[in-house]
């Protein structure tokens, strides 16, 4: 007869093994090669990673440009950025619907967000470029 204690210990061991396996999968030795991604899962992971980087660049650019503006321009720029965010969400939501049911849906949406962010970075840079 197996005691509750031994079942608990076995489950703890299984959780530890699963955690170690998960850590091995995300270690740098197993870094994803996004230039040669072929599976949908890999493409989704790459697109998400690239979008995260683009979003960070967008946020840094926005903060830099905002600080460089006089108060009246800053107020208008904040309002414009809020409207741009709504536009991007609506635009990329349309892309989401376009690819409904497709395996590349997430990649398409992340690509939309990334393209729009890249365009916005250029637009924001125009505020500080003479």
N, C-alpha and C. Protein backbone atom coordinates (compact mmCIF):
# COMPACT_ATOMS: atom_id res chain seq x y z
N UNK A 1 0.85 -1.17 0.00
CA UNK A 1 0.00 0.00 0.00
C UNK A 1 0.89 1.24 0.00
N UNK A 2 0.62 2.16 -0.90
CA UNK A 2 1.41 3.37 -1.03
C UNK A 2 0.88 4.42 -0.08
N UNK A 3 1.77 5.02 0.68
CA UNK A 3 1.32 6.04 1.63
C UNK A 3 1.18 7.39 0.94
N UNK A 4 0.42 8.26 1.58
CA UNK A 4 0.25 9.61 1.03
C UNK A 4 1.59 10.33 0.97
N UNK A 5 2.44 10.03 1.92
CA UNK A 5 3.76 10.67 1.97
C UNK A 5 4.59 10.28 0.76
N UNK A 6 4.60 9.02 0.37
CA UNK A 6 5.43 8.59 -0.76
C UNK A 6 4.86 9.12 -2.07
N UNK A 7 3.53 9.24 -2.20
CA UNK A 7 2.93 9.83 -3.39
C UNK A 7 3.33 11.30 -3.47
N UNK A 8 3.26 11.99 -2.34
CA UNK A 8 3.64 13.40 -2.30
C UNK A 8 5.11 13.57 -2.69
N UNK A 9 5.98 12.73 -2.17
CA UNK A 9 7.41 12.79 -2.51
C UNK A 9 7.64 12.50 -3.99
N UNK A 10 6.90 11.54 -4.54
CA UNK A 10 7.03 11.21 -5.96
C UNK A 10 6.60 12.39 -6.83
N UNK A 11 5.49 13.01 -6.46
CA UNK A 11 5.00 14.16 -7.22
C UNK A 11 5.99 15.31 -7.14
N UNK A 12 6.59 15.52 -5.99
CA UNK A 12 7.58 16.58 -5.83
C UNK A 12 8.77 16.31 -6.74
N UNK A 13 9.18 15.05 -6.82
CA UNK A 13 10.29 14.67 -7.69
C UNK A 13 9.95 14.89 -9.15
N UNK A 14 8.72 14.54 -9.54
CA UNK A 14 8.29 14.76 -10.93
C UNK A 14 8.25 16.24 -11.27
N UNK A 15 7.77 17.06 -10.34
CA UNK A 15 7.74 18.51 -10.59
C UNK A 15 9.15 19.06 -10.73
N UNK A 16 10.06 18.59 -9.90
CA UNK A 16 11.44 19.05 -9.99
C UNK A 16 12.07 18.64 -11.32
N UNK A 17 11.79 17.41 -11.76
CA UNK A 17 12.33 16.94 -13.04
C UNK A 17 11.75 17.76 -14.19
N UNK A 18 10.46 18.06 -14.13
CA UNK A 18 9.83 18.85 -15.18
C UNK A 18 10.41 20.26 -15.22
N UNK A 19 10.67 20.83 -14.05
CA UNK A 19 11.27 22.15 -13.97
C UNK A 19 12.67 22.15 -14.57
N UNK A 20 13.45 21.14 -14.25
CA UNK A 20 14.80 21.04 -14.82
C UNK A 20 14.75 20.89 -16.34
N UNK A 21 13.81 20.11 -16.83
CA UNK A 21 13.66 19.92 -18.28
C UNK A 21 13.28 21.24 -18.93
N UNK A 22 12.39 21.98 -18.30
CA UNK A 22 11.99 23.27 -18.83
C UNK A 22 13.17 24.24 -18.86
N UNK A 23 13.96 24.26 -17.82
CA UNK A 23 15.13 25.13 -17.78
C UNK A 23 16.11 24.78 -18.88
N UNK A 24 16.27 23.52 -19.15
CA UNK A 24 17.19 23.09 -20.21
C UNK A 24 16.70 23.56 -21.57
N UNK A 25 15.39 23.59 -21.75
CA UNK A 25 14.83 24.00 -23.04
C UNK A 25 15.02 25.48 -23.31
N UNK A 26 15.07 26.29 -22.27
CA UNK A 26 15.20 27.72 -22.47
C UNK A 26 16.62 28.22 -22.23
N UNK A 27 17.56 27.33 -22.07
CA UNK A 27 18.93 27.75 -21.85
C UNK A 27 19.51 28.30 -23.14
N UNK A 28 20.55 29.15 -23.05
CA UNK A 28 21.15 29.72 -24.23
C UNK A 28 21.67 28.67 -25.21
N UNK A 29 22.03 27.50 -24.72
CA UNK A 29 22.51 26.46 -25.61
C UNK A 29 21.43 26.02 -26.59
N UNK A 30 20.17 26.24 -26.23
CA UNK A 30 19.05 25.86 -27.07
C UNK A 30 18.33 27.09 -27.63
N UNK A 31 19.08 28.19 -27.79
CA UNK A 31 18.46 29.42 -28.28
C UNK A 31 17.87 29.21 -29.66
N UNK A 32 16.74 29.82 -29.87
CA UNK A 32 16.01 29.68 -31.12
C UNK A 32 16.70 30.47 -32.23
N UNK A 33 16.87 29.85 -33.38
CA UNK A 33 17.45 30.50 -34.55
C UNK A 33 16.32 31.10 -35.38
N UNK A 34 16.01 32.35 -35.13
CA UNK A 34 14.85 32.98 -35.76
C UNK A 34 15.03 33.16 -37.27
N UNK A 35 16.25 33.25 -37.73
CA UNK A 35 16.46 33.39 -39.18
C UNK A 35 16.07 32.13 -39.93
N UNK A 36 16.09 30.99 -39.24
CA UNK A 36 15.77 29.72 -39.87
C UNK A 36 14.57 29.03 -39.23
N UNK A 37 13.69 29.80 -38.60
CA UNK A 37 12.51 29.23 -37.97
C UNK A 37 11.60 28.63 -39.04
N UNK A 38 11.17 27.40 -38.82
CA UNK A 38 10.32 26.73 -39.81
C UNK A 38 8.97 26.29 -39.27
N UNK A 39 8.87 26.10 -37.97
CA UNK A 39 7.59 25.68 -37.41
C UNK A 39 6.79 26.90 -36.97
N UNK A 40 5.49 26.74 -36.90
CA UNK A 40 4.62 27.83 -36.47
C UNK A 40 4.97 28.25 -35.05
N UNK A 41 5.26 27.30 -34.20
CA UNK A 41 5.62 27.61 -32.80
C UNK A 41 6.88 28.47 -32.77
N UNK A 42 7.89 28.07 -33.53
CA UNK A 42 9.13 28.85 -33.57
C UNK A 42 8.89 30.24 -34.14
N UNK A 43 8.11 30.31 -35.20
CA UNK A 43 7.80 31.61 -35.82
C UNK A 43 7.05 32.52 -34.85
N UNK A 44 6.12 31.95 -34.10
CA UNK A 44 5.38 32.73 -33.10
C UNK A 44 6.33 33.25 -32.02
N UNK A 45 7.23 32.39 -31.56
CA UNK A 45 8.18 32.80 -30.52
C UNK A 45 9.10 33.90 -31.04
N UNK A 46 9.57 33.75 -32.27
CA UNK A 46 10.44 34.77 -32.85
C UNK A 46 9.70 36.08 -33.05
N UNK A 47 8.50 36.01 -33.58
CA UNK A 47 7.71 37.22 -33.80
C UNK A 47 7.42 37.93 -32.49
N UNK A 48 7.12 37.18 -31.45
CA UNK A 48 6.84 37.77 -30.14
C UNK A 48 8.09 38.43 -29.57
N UNK A 49 9.23 37.78 -29.72
CA UNK A 49 10.48 38.35 -29.24
C UNK A 49 10.84 39.63 -29.99
N UNK A 50 10.69 39.60 -31.31
CA UNK A 50 10.99 40.77 -32.12
C UNK A 50 10.03 41.92 -31.80
N UNK A 51 8.77 41.60 -31.58
CA UNK A 51 7.79 42.63 -31.24
C UNK A 51 8.10 43.24 -29.89
N UNK A 52 8.52 42.42 -28.95
CA UNK A 52 8.87 42.93 -27.62
C UNK A 52 10.03 43.92 -27.72
N UNK A 53 11.02 43.60 -28.54
CA UNK A 53 12.15 44.51 -28.74
C UNK A 53 11.72 45.81 -29.42
N UNK A 54 10.87 45.67 -30.44
CA UNK A 54 10.38 46.85 -31.15
C UNK A 54 9.56 47.74 -30.24
N UNK A 55 8.75 47.12 -29.39
CA UNK A 55 7.92 47.88 -28.45
C UNK A 55 8.79 48.64 -27.45
N UNK A 56 9.87 48.02 -27.00
CA UNK A 56 10.79 48.69 -26.09
C UNK A 56 11.45 49.89 -26.77
N UNK A 57 11.84 49.73 -28.03
CA UNK A 57 12.43 50.83 -28.79
C UNK A 57 11.41 51.95 -28.98
N UNK A 58 10.19 51.58 -29.30
CA UNK A 58 9.13 52.58 -29.45
C UNK A 58 8.94 53.37 -28.16
N UNK A 59 8.87 52.68 -27.05
CA UNK A 59 8.65 53.36 -25.76
C UNK A 59 9.80 54.29 -25.40
N UNK A 60 11.03 53.84 -25.65
CA UNK A 60 12.19 54.69 -25.38
C UNK A 60 12.19 55.92 -26.29
N UNK A 61 11.87 55.71 -27.55
CA UNK A 61 11.81 56.83 -28.50
C UNK A 61 10.74 57.83 -28.08
N UNK A 62 9.58 57.32 -27.74
CA UNK A 62 8.48 58.19 -27.32
C UNK A 62 8.88 59.03 -26.10
N UNK A 63 9.48 58.40 -25.11
CA UNK A 63 9.89 59.13 -23.90
C UNK A 63 10.95 60.18 -24.22
N UNK A 64 11.90 59.82 -25.07
CA UNK A 64 12.97 60.76 -25.45
C UNK A 64 12.38 61.96 -26.18
N UNK A 65 11.51 61.71 -27.14
CA UNK A 65 10.90 62.79 -27.92
C UNK A 65 10.00 63.64 -27.03
N UNK A 66 9.24 63.02 -26.19
CA UNK A 66 8.33 63.74 -25.31
C UNK A 66 9.09 64.71 -24.41
N UNK A 67 10.18 64.27 -23.85
CA UNK A 67 10.98 65.13 -22.95
C UNK A 67 11.57 66.33 -23.68
N UNK A 68 11.79 66.20 -24.98
CA UNK A 68 12.41 67.27 -25.75
C UNK A 68 11.42 68.33 -26.21
N UNK A 69 10.14 68.15 -25.93
CA UNK A 69 9.11 69.06 -26.45
C UNK A 69 8.70 70.09 -25.40
N UNK A 70 8.33 71.28 -25.87
CA UNK A 70 7.76 72.26 -24.94
C UNK A 70 6.39 71.77 -24.46
N UNK A 71 5.90 72.30 -23.35
CA UNK A 71 4.66 71.79 -22.75
C UNK A 71 3.46 71.70 -23.69
N UNK A 72 3.23 72.70 -24.53
CA UNK A 72 2.06 72.67 -25.42
C UNK A 72 2.17 71.52 -26.43
N UNK A 73 3.35 71.32 -26.97
CA UNK A 73 3.55 70.22 -27.93
C UNK A 73 3.44 68.89 -27.20
N UNK A 74 4.00 68.82 -26.00
CA UNK A 74 3.96 67.59 -25.21
C UNK A 74 2.52 67.14 -24.97
N UNK A 75 1.65 68.08 -24.61
CA UNK A 75 0.24 67.76 -24.38
C UNK A 75 -0.41 67.18 -25.63
N UNK A 76 -0.15 67.80 -26.76
CA UNK A 76 -0.73 67.33 -28.03
C UNK A 76 -0.12 65.98 -28.43
N UNK A 77 1.15 65.80 -28.18
CA UNK A 77 1.81 64.55 -28.53
C UNK A 77 1.28 63.39 -27.69
N UNK A 78 1.03 63.62 -26.43
CA UNK A 78 0.44 62.58 -25.57
C UNK A 78 -0.92 62.16 -26.12
N UNK A 79 -1.73 63.14 -26.49
CA UNK A 79 -3.05 62.83 -27.05
C UNK A 79 -2.91 62.08 -28.38
N UNK A 80 -1.97 62.50 -29.20
CA UNK A 80 -1.75 61.84 -30.49
C UNK A 80 -1.28 60.40 -30.29
N UNK A 81 -0.41 60.19 -29.33
CA UNK A 81 0.09 58.84 -29.08
C UNK A 81 -1.03 57.92 -28.60
N UNK A 82 -1.89 58.44 -27.78
CA UNK A 82 -3.03 57.63 -27.31
C UNK A 82 -3.93 57.25 -28.48
N UNK A 83 -4.16 58.19 -29.38
CA UNK A 83 -4.99 57.90 -30.56
C UNK A 83 -4.28 56.92 -31.49
N UNK A 84 -2.96 57.06 -31.61
CA UNK A 84 -2.19 56.15 -32.46
C UNK A 84 -2.29 54.72 -31.92
N UNK A 85 -2.22 54.57 -30.60
CA UNK A 85 -2.33 53.25 -29.99
C UNK A 85 -3.68 52.62 -30.33
N UNK A 86 -4.73 53.41 -30.25
CA UNK A 86 -6.06 52.89 -30.61
C UNK A 86 -6.11 52.51 -32.09
N UNK A 87 -5.50 53.33 -32.94
CA UNK A 87 -5.45 53.02 -34.37
C UNK A 87 -4.72 51.71 -34.61
N UNK A 88 -3.56 51.56 -33.98
CA UNK A 88 -2.78 50.34 -34.19
C UNK A 88 -3.55 49.12 -33.73
N UNK A 89 -4.20 49.22 -32.59
CA UNK A 89 -5.00 48.09 -32.09
C UNK A 89 -6.10 47.73 -33.07
N UNK A 90 -6.80 48.74 -33.60
CA UNK A 90 -7.89 48.48 -34.54
C UNK A 90 -7.35 47.91 -35.85
N UNK A 91 -6.26 48.46 -36.33
CA UNK A 91 -5.68 47.99 -37.59
C UNK A 91 -5.21 46.54 -37.47
N UNK A 92 -4.50 46.24 -36.41
CA UNK A 92 -3.98 44.89 -36.23
C UNK A 92 -5.08 43.90 -35.85
N UNK A 93 -6.16 44.41 -35.25
CA UNK A 93 -7.31 43.56 -34.99
C UNK A 93 -7.96 43.12 -36.30
N UNK A 94 -7.96 44.01 -37.29
CA UNK A 94 -8.47 43.65 -38.62
C UNK A 94 -7.60 42.55 -39.24
N UNK A 95 -6.31 42.64 -39.04
CA UNK A 95 -5.40 41.59 -39.52
C UNK A 95 -5.71 40.28 -38.81
N UNK A 96 -5.97 40.37 -37.51
CA UNK A 96 -6.32 39.18 -36.72
C UNK A 96 -7.54 38.49 -37.33
N UNK A 97 -8.55 39.27 -37.67
CA UNK A 97 -9.76 38.70 -38.27
C UNK A 97 -9.50 38.16 -39.67
N UNK A 98 -8.65 38.83 -40.42
CA UNK A 98 -8.33 38.39 -41.78
C UNK A 98 -7.77 36.97 -41.77
N UNK A 99 -6.96 36.66 -40.77
CA UNK A 99 -6.33 35.36 -40.69
C UNK A 99 -7.04 34.42 -39.73
N UNK A 100 -8.31 34.64 -39.48
CA UNK A 100 -9.09 33.81 -38.55
C UNK A 100 -8.95 32.34 -38.92
N UNK A 101 -8.62 31.55 -37.94
CA UNK A 101 -8.51 30.11 -38.15
C UNK A 101 -7.20 29.65 -38.74
N UNK A 102 -6.35 30.58 -39.16
CA UNK A 102 -5.07 30.20 -39.75
C UNK A 102 -3.99 30.03 -38.70
N UNK A 103 -3.03 29.19 -39.01
CA UNK A 103 -1.94 28.95 -38.06
C UNK A 103 -0.97 30.12 -37.98
N UNK A 104 -0.98 30.98 -38.97
CA UNK A 104 -0.06 32.11 -38.98
C UNK A 104 -0.72 33.39 -38.44
N UNK A 105 -1.86 33.25 -37.85
CA UNK A 105 -2.62 34.39 -37.34
C UNK A 105 -1.80 35.24 -36.37
N UNK A 106 -1.17 34.61 -35.40
CA UNK A 106 -0.40 35.36 -34.40
C UNK A 106 0.80 36.04 -35.03
N UNK A 107 1.47 35.33 -35.94
CA UNK A 107 2.63 35.91 -36.62
C UNK A 107 2.19 37.14 -37.41
N UNK A 108 1.05 37.05 -38.08
CA UNK A 108 0.54 38.18 -38.87
C UNK A 108 0.22 39.38 -37.98
N UNK A 109 -0.41 39.14 -36.85
CA UNK A 109 -0.76 40.23 -35.94
C UNK A 109 0.49 40.85 -35.34
N UNK A 110 1.42 40.03 -34.90
CA UNK A 110 2.66 40.56 -34.34
C UNK A 110 3.44 41.33 -35.40
N UNK A 111 3.41 40.85 -36.63
CA UNK A 111 4.06 41.56 -37.72
C UNK A 111 3.41 42.92 -37.96
N UNK A 112 2.10 42.96 -37.90
CA UNK A 112 1.37 44.22 -38.03
C UNK A 112 1.79 45.20 -36.93
N UNK A 113 1.81 44.72 -35.72
CA UNK A 113 2.19 45.58 -34.60
C UNK A 113 3.63 46.08 -34.75
N UNK A 114 4.49 45.19 -35.20
CA UNK A 114 5.90 45.54 -35.37
C UNK A 114 6.06 46.59 -36.49
N UNK A 115 5.38 46.40 -37.62
CA UNK A 115 5.47 47.37 -38.72
C UNK A 115 4.94 48.73 -38.29
N UNK A 116 3.80 48.73 -37.61
CA UNK A 116 3.22 49.99 -37.15
C UNK A 116 4.14 50.69 -36.15
N UNK A 117 4.75 49.92 -35.26
CA UNK A 117 5.68 50.51 -34.29
C UNK A 117 6.89 51.11 -35.00
N UNK A 118 7.42 50.41 -35.98
CA UNK A 118 8.56 50.93 -36.75
C UNK A 118 8.21 52.23 -37.44
N UNK A 119 7.02 52.29 -38.02
CA UNK A 119 6.57 53.52 -38.68
C UNK A 119 6.42 54.65 -37.67
N UNK A 120 5.88 54.31 -36.50
CA UNK A 120 5.67 55.34 -35.48
C UNK A 120 6.99 55.86 -34.94
N UNK A 121 7.98 55.01 -34.82
CA UNK A 121 9.30 55.45 -34.36
C UNK A 121 9.84 56.51 -35.32
N UNK A 122 9.71 56.28 -36.62
CA UNK A 122 10.17 57.26 -37.62
C UNK A 122 9.39 58.57 -37.49
N UNK A 123 8.08 58.46 -37.30
CA UNK A 123 7.25 59.66 -37.14
C UNK A 123 7.66 60.44 -35.89
N UNK A 124 7.90 59.74 -34.79
CA UNK A 124 8.31 60.41 -33.56
C UNK A 124 9.66 61.07 -33.71
N UNK A 125 10.58 60.39 -34.39
CA UNK A 125 11.90 60.97 -34.60
C UNK A 125 11.83 62.28 -35.38
N UNK A 126 10.80 62.44 -36.21
CA UNK A 126 10.63 63.69 -36.95
C UNK A 126 10.40 64.89 -36.03
N UNK A 127 9.93 64.64 -34.82
CA UNK A 127 9.73 65.73 -33.86
C UNK A 127 11.04 66.34 -33.39
N UNK A 128 12.10 65.56 -33.43
CA UNK A 128 13.39 66.06 -32.92
C UNK A 128 14.43 66.23 -34.01
N UNK A 129 14.08 65.86 -35.23
CA UNK A 129 15.01 66.02 -36.34
C UNK A 129 14.69 67.32 -37.06
N UNK A 130 15.70 68.19 -37.19
CA UNK A 130 15.43 69.49 -37.84
C UNK A 130 15.10 69.36 -39.31
